Amino acid sequence: MNMREILEKAKEMQQKAADMQRTMADVEVEGQAGGGMVRVVLSGNGALKRVTTDPSLFTEGEREILEDLIVAAHGDAKIKLEKRVADEMGQLAGKFGLPPGMGL
């Protein structure tokens, strides 16, 4: 492969990575905690979009538990989102013949 081909391939990879980032922004990932009593939805860029809570959590003295569950659900969703992004980028890297673990 000559230098021109390498540069063209790099430009193509860059465009595909940018396209994937735009596509991932539309993805929604749900995380949950407390056996599903608290659920959060993150966008593909990590923004918190929704929080859903079970009504039984709104009892006297349960506020701290609810807050902890929201944080845990957010963490669950964030881990799932990071895995999905890594998987998508890995697939894209594979299409360009990059070895596993080499990101774009």
PDB file of N, CA and C in Angstrom:
ATOM      1  N   MET A   1       0.851  -1.170   0.000  1.00  0.00           N
ATOM      2  CA  MET A   1       0.000   0.000   0.000  1.00  0.00           C
ATOM      3  C   MET A   1       0.906   1.244   0.000  1.00  0.00           C
ATOM      4  N   ASN A   2       0.629   2.182  -0.894  1.00  0.00           N
ATOM      5  CA  ASN A   2       1.445   3.391  -0.940  1.00  0.00           C
ATOM      6  C   ASN A   2       0.875   4.458   0.005  1.00  0.00           C
ATOM      7  N   MET A   3       1.620   5.542   0.136  1.00  0.00           N
ATOM      8  CA  MET A   3       1.245   6.592   1.073  1.00  0.00           C
ATOM      9  C   MET A   3      -0.112   7.206   0.730  1.00  0.00           C
ATOM     10  N   ARG A   4      -0.402   7.382  -0.519  1.00  0.00           N
ATOM     11  CA  ARG A   4      -1.688   7.958  -0.934  1.00  0.00           C
ATOM     12  C   ARG A   4      -2.846   7.065  -0.501  1.00  0.00           C
ATOM     13  N   GLU A   5      -2.690   5.753  -0.694  1.00  0.00           N
ATOM     14  CA  GLU A   5      -3.734   4.805  -0.286  1.00  0.00           C
ATOM     15  C   GLU A   5      -3.920   4.813   1.230  1.00  0.00           C
ATOM     16  N   ILE A   6      -2.808   4.914   1.960  1.00  0.00           N
ATOM     17  CA  ILE A   6      -2.872   4.948   3.423  1.00  0.00           C
ATOM     18  C   ILE A   6      -3.629   6.193   3.877  1.00  0.00           C
ATOM     19  N   LEU A   7      -3.338   7.333   3.270  1.00  0.00           N
ATOM     20  CA  LEU A   7      -4.018   8.579   3.642  1.00  0.00           C
ATOM     21  C   LEU A   7      -5.499   8.520   3.292  1.00  0.00           C
ATOM     22  N   GLU A   8      -5.833   7.942   2.141  1.00  0.00           N
ATOM     23  CA  GLU A   8      -7.241   7.801   1.757  1.00  0.00           C
ATOM     24  C   GLU A   8      -7.977   6.896   2.736  1.00  0.00           C
ATOM     25  N   LYS A   9      -7.322   5.800   3.121  1.00  0.00           N
ATOM     26  CA  LYS A   9      -7.938   4.871   4.075  1.00  0.00           C
ATOM     27  C   LYS A   9      -8.122   5.547   5.434  1.00  0.00           C
ATOM     28  N   ALA A  10      -7.147   6.330   5.853  1.00  0.00           N
ATOM     29  CA  ALA A  10      -7.248   7.043   7.130  1.00  0.00           C
ATOM     30  C   ALA A  10      -8.394   8.048   7.084  1.00  0.00           C
ATOM     31  N   LYS A  11      -8.542   8.752   5.977  1.00  0.00           N
ATOM     32  CA  LYS A  11      -9.631   9.719   5.841  1.00  0.00           C
ATOM     33  C   LYS A  11     -10.983   9.003   5.879  1.00  0.00           C
ATOM     34  N   GLU A  12     -11.072   7.858   5.211  1.00  0.00           N
ATOM     35  CA  GLU A  12     -12.307   7.076   5.215  1.00  0.00           C
ATOM     36  C   GLU A  12     -12.635   6.596   6.636  1.00  0.00           C
ATOM     37  N   MET A  13     -11.623   6.122   7.358  1.00  0.00           N
ATOM     38  CA  MET A  13     -11.823   5.673   8.738  1.00  0.00           C
ATOM     39  C   MET A  13     -12.313   6.823   9.609  1.00  0.00           C
ATOM     40  N   GLN A  14     -11.731   8.001   9.422  1.00  0.00           N
ATOM     41  CA  GLN A  14     -12.124   9.164  10.192  1.00  0.00           C
ATOM     42  C   GLN A  14     -13.585   9.515   9.934  1.00  0.00           C
ATOM     43  N   GLN A  15     -14.003   9.451   8.677  1.00  0.00           N
ATOM     44  CA  GLN A  15     -15.386   9.761   8.321  1.00  0.00           C
ATOM     45  C   GLN A  15     -16.345   8.735   8.932  1.00  0.00           C
ATOM     46  N   LYS A  16     -15.972   7.460   8.837  1.00  0.00           N
ATOM     47  CA  LYS A  16     -16.828   6.408   9.403  1.00  0.00           C
ATOM     48  C   LYS A  16     -16.937   6.553  10.917  1.00  0.00           C
ATOM     49  N   ALA A  17     -15.836   6.914  11.584  1.00  0.00           N
ATOM     50  CA  ALA A  17     -15.871   7.109  13.039  1.00  0.00           C
ATOM     51  C   ALA A  17     -16.790   8.274  13.389  1.00  0.00           C
ATOM     52  N   ALA A  18     -16.729   9.356  12.623  1.00  0.00           N
ATOM     53  CA  ALA A  18     -17.605  10.506  12.862  1.00  0.00           C
ATOM     54  C   ALA A  18     -19.065  10.121  12.630  1.00  0.00           C
ATOM     55  N   ASP A  19     -19.329   9.345  11.577  1.00  0.00           N
ATOM     56  CA  ASP A  19     -20.685   8.870  11.308  1.00  0.00           C
ATOM     57  C   ASP A  19     -21.198   8.026  12.471  1.00  0.00           C
ATOM     58  N   MET A  20     -20.329   7.166  13.000  1.00  0.00           N
ATOM     59  CA  MET A  20     -20.735   6.301  14.097  1.00  0.00           C
ATOM     60  C   MET A  20     -21.042   7.124  15.343  1.00  0.00           C
ATOM     61  N   GLN A  21     -20.266   8.155  15.605  1.00  0.00           N
ATOM     62  CA  GLN A  21     -20.533   8.999  16.763  1.00  0.00           C
ATOM     63  C   GLN A  21     -21.900   9.666  16.639  1.00  0.00           C
ATOM     64  N   ARG A  22     -22.240  10.120  15.436  1.00  0.00           N
ATOM     65  CA  ARG A  22     -23.562  10.724  15.233  1.00  0.00           C
ATOM     66  C   ARG A  22     -24.665   9.682  15.440  1.00  0.00           C
ATOM     67  N   THR A  23     -24.438   8.473  14.951  1.00  0.00           N
ATOM     68  CA  THR A  23     -25.414   7.397  15.119  1.00  0.00           C
ATOM     69  C   THR A  23     -25.569   7.042  16.597  1.00  0.00           C
ATOM     70  N   MET A  24     -24.464   6.963  17.311  1.00  0.00           N
ATOM     71  CA  MET A  24     -24.507   6.600  18.724  1.00  0.00           C
ATOM     72  C   MET A  24     -25.220   7.658  19.558  1.00  0.00           C
ATOM     73  N   ALA A  25     -25.223   8.910  19.123  1.00  0.00           N
ATOM     74  CA  ALA A  25     -25.921   9.961  19.865  1.00  0.00           C
ATOM     75  C   ALA A  25     -27.420   9.667  19.936  1.00  0.00           C
ATOM     76  N   ASP A  26     -27.943   8.924  18.959  1.00  0.00           N
ATOM     77  CA  ASP A  26     -29.368   8.581  18.936  1.00  0.00           C
ATOM     78  C   ASP A  26     -29.694   7.334  19.752  1.00  0.00           C
ATOM     79  N   VAL A  27     -28.679   6.620  20.208  1.00  0.00           N
ATOM     80  CA  VAL A  27     -28.879   5.391  20.981  1.00  0.00           C
ATOM     81  C   VAL A  27     -29.338   5.758  22.386  1.00  0.00           C
ATOM     82  N   GLU A  28     -30.197   4.929  22.950  1.00  0.00           N
ATOM     83  CA  GLU A  28     -30.596   5.074  24.349  1.00  0.00           C
ATOM     84  C   GLU A  28     -30.291   3.770  25.079  1.00  0.00           C
ATOM     85  N   VAL A  29     -29.707   3.900  26.266  1.00  0.00           N
ATOM     86  CA  VAL A  29     -29.356   2.742  27.078  1.00  0.00           C
ATOM     87  C   VAL A  29     -30.007   2.918  28.440  1.00  0.00           C
ATOM     88  N   GLU A  30     -30.642   1.837  28.928  1.00  0.00           N
ATOM     89  CA  GLU A  30     -31.304   1.895  30.228  1.00  0.00           C
ATOM     90  C   GLU A  30     -30.485   1.169  31.269  1.00  0.00           C
ATOM     91  N   GLY A  31     -30.364   1.796  32.432  1.00  0.00           N
ATOM     92  CA  GLY A  31     -29.746   1.160  33.589  1.00  0.00           C
ATOM     93  C   GLY A  31     -30.779   1.082  34.693  1.00  0.00           C
ATOM     94  N   GLN A  32     -30.586   0.126  35.599  1.00  0.00           N
ATOM     95  CA  GLN A  32     -31.553  -0.009  36.683  1.00  0.00           C
ATOM     96  C   GLN A  32     -30.863  -0.379  37.976  1.00  0.00           C
ATOM     97  N   ALA A  33     -31.582  -0.145  39.060  1.00  0.00           N
ATOM     98  CA  ALA A  33     -31.095  -0.486  40.399  1.00  0.00           C
ATOM     99  C   ALA A  33     -32.297  -0.842  41.257  1.00  0.00           C
ATOM    100  N   GLY A  34     -32.005  -1.501  42.365  1.00  0.00           N
ATOM    101  CA  GLY A  34     -33.084  -1.866  43.287  1.00  0.00           C
ATOM    102  C   GLY A  34     -34.073  -2.820  42.662  1.00  0.00           C
ATOM    103  N   GLY A  35     -33.578  -3.773  41.868  1.00  0.00           N
ATOM    104  CA  GLY A  35     -34.470  -4.736  41.228  1.00  0.00           C
ATOM    105  C   GLY A  35     -35.430  -4.094  40.237  1.00  0.00           C
ATOM    106  N   GLY A  36     -34.998  -3.003  39.628  1.00  0.00           N
ATOM    107  CA  GLY A  36     -35.838  -2.331  38.638  1.00  0.00           C
ATOM    108  C   GLY A  36     -36.713  -1.237  39.229  1.00  0.00           C
ATOM    109  N   MET A  37     -36.564  -0.987  40.522  1.00  0.00           N
ATOM    110  CA  MET A  37     -37.389   0.054  41.143  1.00  0.00           C
ATOM    111  C   MET A  37     -36.978   1.455  40.688  1.00  0.00           C
ATOM    112  N   VAL A  38     -35.730   1.585  40.279  1.00  0.00           N
ATOM    113  CA  VAL A  38     -35.246   2.843  39.718  1.00  0.00           C
ATOM    114  C   VAL A  38     -34.611   2.534  38.381  1.00  0.00           C
ATOM    115  N   ARG A  39     -35.027   3.287  37.364  1.00  0.00           N
ATOM    116  CA  ARG A  39     -34.488   3.110  36.019  1.00  0.00           C
ATOM    117  C   ARG A  39     -34.077   4.478  35.478  1.00  0.00           C
ATOM    118  N   VAL A  40     -32.932   4.491  34.788  1.00  0.00           N
ATOM    119  CA  VAL A  40     -32.496   5.711  34.120  1.00  0.00           C
ATOM    120  C   VAL A  40     -32.185   5.382  32.670  1.00  0.00           C
ATOM    121  N   VAL A  41     -32.348   6.366  31.810  1.00  0.00           N
ATOM    122  CA  VAL A  41     -32.032   6.210  30.394  1.00  0.00           C
ATOM    123  C   VAL A  41     -31.000   7.267  30.038  1.00  0.00           C
ATOM    124  N   LEU A  42     -29.899   6.802  29.422  1.00  0.00           N
ATOM    125  CA  LEU A  42     -28.852   7.696  28.947  1.00  0.00           C
ATOM    126  C   LEU A  42     -28.871   7.728  27.432  1.00  0.00           C
ATOM    127  N   SER A  43     -28.537   8.881  26.873  1.00  0.00           N
ATOM    128  CA  SER A  43     -28.356   8.965  25.427  1.00  0.00           C
ATOM    129  C   SER A  43     -26.976   8.399  25.095  1.00  0.00           C
ATOM    130  N   GLY A  44     -26.731   8.197  23.830  1.00  0.00           N
ATOM    131  CA  GLY A  44     -25.449   7.649  23.392  1.00  0.00           C
ATOM    132  C   GLY A  44     -24.260   8.523  23.726  1.00  0.00           C
ATOM    133  N   ASN A  45     -24.486   9.799  24.007  1.00  0.00           N
ATOM    134  CA  ASN A  45     -23.374  10.662  24.400  1.00  0.00           C
ATOM    135  C   ASN A  45     -23.295  10.820  25.919  1.00  0.00           C
ATOM    136  N   GLY A  46     -24.088  10.024  26.645  1.00  0.00           N
ATOM    137  CA  GLY A  46     -23.998   9.994  28.107  1.00  0.00           C
ATOM    138  C   GLY A  46     -24.926  10.931  28.840  1.00  0.00           C
ATOM    139  N   ALA A  47     -25.761  11.675  28.124  1.00  0.00           N
ATOM    140  CA  ALA A  47     -26.688  12.589  28.792  1.00  0.00           C
ATOM    141  C   ALA A  47     -27.825  11.808  29.441  1.00  0.00           C
ATOM    142  N   LEU A  48     -28.176  12.186  30.658  1.00  0.00           N
ATOM    143  CA  LEU A  48     -29.294  11.569  31.370  1.00  0.00           C
ATOM    144  C   LEU A  48     -30.589  12.082  30.754  1.00  0.00           C
ATOM    145  N   LYS A  49     -31.408  11.165  30.212  1.00  0.00           N
ATOM    146  CA  LYS A  49     -32.636  11.562  29.516  1.00  0.00           C
ATOM    147  C   LYS A  49     -33.886  11.369  30.364  1.00  0.00           C
ATOM    148  N   ARG A  50     -33.938  10.260  31.124  1.00  0.00           N
ATOM    149  CA  ARG A  50     -35.134   9.966  31.912  1.00  0.00           C
ATOM    150  C   ARG A  50     -34.758   9.248  33.201  1.00  0.00           C
ATOM    151  N   VAL A  51     -35.570   9.487  34.217  1.00  0.00           N
ATOM    152  CA  VAL A  51     -35.489   8.756  35.481  1.00  0.00           C
ATOM    153  C   VAL A  51     -36.899   8.273  35.785  1.00  0.00           C
ATOM    154  N   THR A  52     -37.045   6.976  36.049  1.00  0.00           N
ATOM    155  CA  THR A  52     -38.337   6.396  36.418  1.00  0.00           C
ATOM    156  C   THR A  52     -38.167   5.726  37.776  1.00  0.00           C
ATOM    157  N   THR A  53     -39.084   6.017  38.684  1.00  0.00           N
ATOM    158  CA  THR A  53     -39.004   5.429  40.021  1.00  0.00           C
ATOM    159  C   THR A  53     -40.315   4.748  40.380  1.00  0.00           C
ATOM    160  N   ASP A  54     -40.203   3.675  41.144  1.00  0.00           N
ATOM    161  CA  ASP A  54     -41.364   2.969  41.655  1.00  0.00           C
ATOM    162  C   ASP A  54     -42.005   3.835  42.738  1.00  0.00           C
ATOM    163  N   PRO A  55     -43.320   4.019  42.704  1.00  0.00           N
ATOM    164  CA  PRO A  55     -44.003   4.862  43.700  1.00  0.00           C
ATOM    165  C   PRO A  55     -43.766   4.436  45.146  1.00  0.00           C
ATOM    166  N   SER A  56     -43.479   3.173  45.372  1.00  0.00           N
ATOM    167  CA  SER A  56     -43.283   2.711  46.751  1.00  0.00           C
ATOM    168  C   SER A  56     -42.042   3.329  47.392  1.00  0.00           C
ATOM    169  N   LEU A  57     -41.169   3.921  46.595  1.00  0.00           N
ATOM    170  CA  LEU A  57     -39.960   4.529  47.145  1.00  0.00           C
ATOM    171  C   LEU A  57     -40.217   5.897  47.771  1.00  0.00           C
ATOM    172  N   PHE A  58     -41.413   6.433  47.587  1.00  0.00           N
ATOM    173  CA  PHE A  58     -41.720   7.755  48.099  1.00  0.00           C
ATOM    174  C   PHE A  58     -42.403   7.697  49.456  1.00  0.00           C
ATOM    175  N   THR A  59     -41.779   7.003  50.364  1.00  0.00           N
ATOM    176  CA  THR A  59     -42.300   6.939  51.719  1.00  0.00           C
ATOM    177  C   THR A  59     -41.373   7.737  52.633  1.00  0.00           C
ATOM    178  N   GLU A  60     -41.898   8.105  53.772  1.00  0.00           N
ATOM    179  CA  GLU A  60     -41.135   8.889  54.747  1.00  0.00           C
ATOM    180  C   GLU A  60     -39.804   8.212  55.072  1.00  0.00           C
ATOM    181  N   GLY A  61     -38.729   8.945  55.012  1.00  0.00           N
ATOM    182  CA  GLY A  61     -37.422   8.427  55.392  1.00  0.00           C
ATOM    183  C   GLY A  61     -36.711   7.621  54.319  1.00  0.00           C
ATOM    184  N   GLU A  62     -37.254   7.515  53.136  1.00  0.00           N
ATOM    185  CA  GLU A  62     -36.642   6.710  52.072  1.00  0.00           C
ATOM    186  C   GLU A  62     -35.879   7.553  51.052  1.00  0.00           C
ATOM    187  N   ARG A  63     -35.803   8.848  51.269  1.00  0.00           N
ATOM    188  CA  ARG A  63     -35.176   9.733  50.292  1.00  0.00           C
ATOM    189  C   ARG A  63     -33.728   9.352  50.005  1.00  0.00           C
ATOM    190  N   GLU A  64     -32.933   9.074  51.017  1.00  0.00           N
ATOM    191  CA  GLU A  64     -31.526   8.728  50.806  1.00  0.00           C
ATOM    192  C   GLU A  64     -31.394   7.429  50.022  1.00  0.00           C
ATOM    193  N   ILE A  65     -32.253   6.471  50.293  1.00  0.00           N
ATOM    194  CA  ILE A  65     -32.228   5.212  49.546  1.00  0.00           C
ATOM    195  C   ILE A  65     -32.542   5.474  48.076  1.00  0.00           C
ATOM    196  N   LEU A  66     -33.546   6.284  47.829  1.00  0.00           N
ATOM    197  CA  LEU A  66     -33.915   6.626  46.457  1.00  0.00           C
ATOM    198  C   LEU A  66     -32.754   7.309  45.734  1.00  0.00           C
ATOM    199  N   GLU A  67     -32.119   8.260  46.395  1.00  0.00           N
ATOM    200  CA  GLU A  67     -30.987   8.954  45.783  1.00  0.00           C
ATOM    201  C   GLU A  67     -29.856   7.982  45.461  1.00  0.00           C
ATOM    202  N   ASP A  68     -29.570   7.066  46.365  1.00  0.00           N
ATOM    203  CA  ASP A  68     -28.525   6.066  46.126  1.00  0.00           C
ATOM    204  C   ASP A  68     -28.887   5.160  44.950  1.00  0.00           C
ATOM    205  N   LEU A  69     -30.158   4.792  44.864  1.00  0.00           N
ATOM    206  CA  LEU A  69     -30.592   3.936  43.759  1.00  0.00           C
ATOM    207  C   LEU A  69     -30.498   4.660  42.417  1.00  0.00           C
ATOM    208  N   ILE A  70     -30.783   5.943  42.398  1.00  0.00           N
ATOM    209  CA  ILE A  70     -30.655   6.710  41.153  1.00  0.00           C
ATOM    210  C   ILE A  70     -29.195   6.735  40.709  1.00  0.00           C
ATOM    211  N   VAL A  71     -28.294   6.973  41.634  1.00  0.00           N
ATOM    212  CA  VAL A  71     -26.866   6.969  41.298  1.00  0.00           C
ATOM    213  C   VAL A  71     -26.442   5.591  40.790  1.00  0.00           C
ATOM    214  N   ALA A  72     -26.902   4.528  41.440  1.00  0.00           N
ATOM    215  CA  ALA A  72     -26.547   3.168  41.017  1.00  0.00           C
ATOM    216  C   ALA A  72     -27.107   2.855  39.631  1.00  0.00           C
ATOM    217  N   ALA A  73     -28.332   3.266  39.365  1.00  0.00           N
ATOM    218  CA  ALA A  73     -28.931   3.022  38.048  1.00  0.00           C
ATOM    219  C   ALA A  73     -28.179   3.785  36.971  1.00  0.00           C
ATOM    220  N   HIS A  74     -27.772   4.995  37.274  1.00  0.00           N
ATOM    221  CA  HIS A  74     -26.978   5.781  36.322  1.00  0.00           C
ATOM    222  C   HIS A  74     -25.665   5.073  36.030  1.00  0.00           C
ATOM    223  N   GLY A  75     -25.010   4.575  37.058  1.00  0.00           N
ATOM    224  CA  GLY A  75     -23.758   3.840  36.864  1.00  0.00           C
ATOM    225  C   GLY A  75     -23.949   2.604  36.012  1.00  0.00           C
ATOM    226  N   ASP A  76     -25.046   1.887  36.216  1.00  0.00           N
ATOM    227  CA  ASP A  76     -25.361   0.697  35.426  1.00  0.00           C
ATOM    228  C   ASP A  76     -25.534   1.070  33.953  1.00  0.00           C
ATOM    229  N   ALA A  77     -26.277   2.133  33.693  1.00  0.00           N
ATOM    230  CA  ALA A  77     -26.496   2.566  32.316  1.00  0.00           C
ATOM    231  C   ALA A  77     -25.192   3.030  31.678  1.00  0.00           C
ATOM    232  N   LYS A  78     -24.359   3.731  32.421  1.00  0.00           N
ATOM    233  CA  LYS A  78     -23.087   4.242  31.896  1.00  0.00           C
ATOM    234  C   LYS A  78     -22.174   3.091  31.485  1.00  0.00           C
ATOM    235  N   ILE A  79     -22.109   2.043  32.296  1.00  0.00           N
ATOM    236  CA  ILE A  79     -21.292   0.867  31.962  1.00  0.00           C
ATOM    237  C   ILE A  79     -21.804   0.221  30.678  1.00  0.00           C
ATOM    238  N   LYS A  80     -23.125   0.073  30.562  1.00  0.00           N
ATOM    239  CA  LYS A  80     -23.703  -0.522  29.359  1.00  0.00           C
ATOM    240  C   LYS A  80     -23.416   0.336  28.127  1.00  0.00           C
ATOM    241  N   LEU A  81     -23.498   1.640  28.286  1.00  0.00           N
ATOM    242  CA  LEU A  81     -23.228   2.547  27.170  1.00  0.00           C
ATOM    243  C   LEU A  81     -21.774   2.448  26.734  1.00  0.00           C
ATOM    244  N   GLU A  82     -20.866   2.459  27.679  1.00  0.00           N
ATOM    245  CA  GLU A  82     -19.441   2.361  27.347  1.00  0.00           C
ATOM    246  C   GLU A  82     -19.129   1.059  26.629  1.00  0.00           C
ATOM    247  N   LYS A  83     -19.750  -0.041  27.052  1.00  0.00           N
ATOM    248  CA  LYS A  83     -19.535  -1.322  26.391  1.00  0.00           C
ATOM    249  C   LYS A  83     -20.063  -1.280  24.961  1.00  0.00           C
ATOM    250  N   ARG A  84     -21.248  -0.709  24.794  1.00  0.00           N
ATOM    251  CA  ARG A  84     -21.834  -0.648  23.450  1.00  0.00           C
ATOM    252  C   ARG A  84     -20.984   0.202  22.508  1.00  0.00           C
ATOM    253  N   VAL A  85     -20.509   1.342  22.990  1.00  0.00           N
ATOM    254  CA  VAL A  85     -19.657   2.199  22.165  1.00  0.00           C
ATOM    255  C   VAL A  85     -18.369   1.460  21.806  1.00  0.00           C
ATOM    256  N   ALA A  86     -17.765   0.781  22.784  1.00  0.00           N
ATOM    257  CA  ALA A  86     -16.537   0.029  22.524  1.00  0.00           C
ATOM    258  C   ALA A  86     -16.786  -1.073  21.502  1.00  0.00           C
ATOM    259  N   ASP A  87     -17.913  -1.774  21.616  1.00  0.00           N
ATOM    260  CA  ASP A  87     -18.247  -2.828  20.656  1.00  0.00           C
ATOM    261  C   ASP A  87     -18.412  -2.265  19.251  1.00  0.00           C
ATOM    262  N   GLU A  88     -19.130  -1.153  19.136  1.00  0.00           N
ATOM    263  CA  GLU A  88     -19.359  -0.534  17.829  1.00  0.00           C
ATOM    264  C   GLU A  88     -18.041  -0.064  17.210  1.00  0.00           C
ATOM    265  N   MET A  89     -17.198   0.564  18.005  1.00  0.00           N
ATOM    266  CA  MET A  89     -15.916   1.046  17.495  1.00  0.00           C
ATOM    267  C   MET A  89     -15.008  -0.124  17.125  1.00  0.00           C
ATOM    268  N   GLY A  90     -15.085  -1.201  17.895  1.00  0.00           N
ATOM    269  CA  GLY A  90     -14.298  -2.396  17.571  1.00  0.00           C
ATOM    270  C   GLY A  90     -14.712  -2.998  16.250  1.00  0.00           C
ATOM    271  N   GLN A  91     -16.015  -3.035  16.000  1.00  0.00           N
ATOM    272  CA  GLN A  91     -16.509  -3.551  14.721  1.00  0.00           C
ATOM    273  C   GLN A  91     -16.034  -2.666  13.577  1.00  0.00           C
ATOM    274  N   LEU A  92     -16.071  -1.362  13.785  1.00  0.00           N
ATOM    275  CA  LEU A  92     -15.621  -0.443  12.745  1.00  0.00           C
ATOM    276  C   LEU A  92     -14.130  -0.616  12.493  1.00  0.00           C
ATOM    277  N   ALA A  93     -13.346  -0.746  13.547  1.00  0.00           N
ATOM    278  CA  ALA A  93     -11.906  -0.949  13.395  1.00  0.00           C
ATOM    279  C   ALA A  93     -11.619  -2.247  12.636  1.00  0.00           C
ATOM    280  N   GLY A  94     -12.415  -3.293  12.928  1.00  0.00           N
ATOM    281  CA  GLY A  94     -12.242  -4.567  12.234  1.00  0.00           C
ATOM    282  C   GLY A  94     -12.504  -4.468  10.751  1.00  0.00           C
ATOM    283  N   LYS A  95     -13.443  -3.613  10.374  1.00  0.00           N
ATOM    284  CA  LYS A  95     -13.742  -3.421   8.949  1.00  0.00           C
ATOM    285  C   LYS A  95     -12.561  -2.822   8.195  1.00  0.00           C
ATOM    286  N   PHE A  96     -11.698  -2.120   8.929  1.00  0.00           N
ATOM    287  CA  PHE A  96     -10.528  -1.514   8.308  1.00  0.00           C
ATOM    288  C   PHE A  96      -9.271  -2.344   8.538  1.00  0.00           C
ATOM    289  N   GLY A  97      -9.440  -3.543   9.050  1.00  0.00           N
ATOM    290  CA  GLY A  97      -8.315  -4.442   9.214  1.00  0.00           C
ATOM    291  C   GLY A  97      -7.411  -4.113  10.379  1.00  0.00           C
ATOM    292  N   LEU A  98      -7.898  -3.307  11.320  1.00  0.00           N
ATOM    293  CA  LEU A  98      -7.087  -2.995  12.495  1.00  0.00           C
ATOM    294  C   LEU A  98      -7.149  -4.156  13.470  1.00  0.00           C
ATOM    295  N   PRO A  99      -6.061  -4.416  14.180  1.00  0.00           N
ATOM    296  CA  PRO A  99      -6.081  -5.528  15.144  1.00  0.00           C
ATOM    297  C   PRO A  99      -7.001  -5.236  16.323  1.00  0.00           C
ATOM    298  N   PRO A 100      -7.511  -6.308  16.973  1.00  0.00           N
ATOM    299  CA  PRO A 100      -8.378  -6.119  18.143  1.00  0.00           C
ATOM    300  C   PRO A 100      -7.695  -5.259  19.193  1.00  0.00           C
ATOM    301  N   GLY A 101      -8.468  -4.371  19.807  1.00  0.00           N
ATOM    302  CA  GLY A 101      -7.919  -3.511  20.840  1.00  0.00           C
ATOM    303  C   GLY A 101      -7.372  -2.195  20.328  1.00  0.00           C
ATOM    304  N   MET A 102      -7.229  -2.073  19.031  1.00  0.00           N
ATOM    305  CA  MET A 102      -6.738  -0.821  18.469  1.00  0.00           C
ATOM    306  C   MET A 102      -7.923   0.021  18.074  1.00  0.00           C
ATOM    307  N   GLY A 103      -8.157   1.075  18.826  1.00  0.00           N
ATOM    308  CA  GLY A 103      -9.312   1.917  18.589  1.00  0.00           C
ATOM    309  C   GLY A 103      -9.108   2.919  17.488  1.00  0.00           C
ATOM    310  N   LEU A 104     -10.196   3.629  17.181  1.00  0.00           N
ATOM    311  CA  LEU A 104     -10.133   4.664  16.150  1.00  0.00           C
ATOM    312  C   LEU A 104      -9.965   6.015  16.789  1.00  0.00           C
TER     313      LEU A 104
END
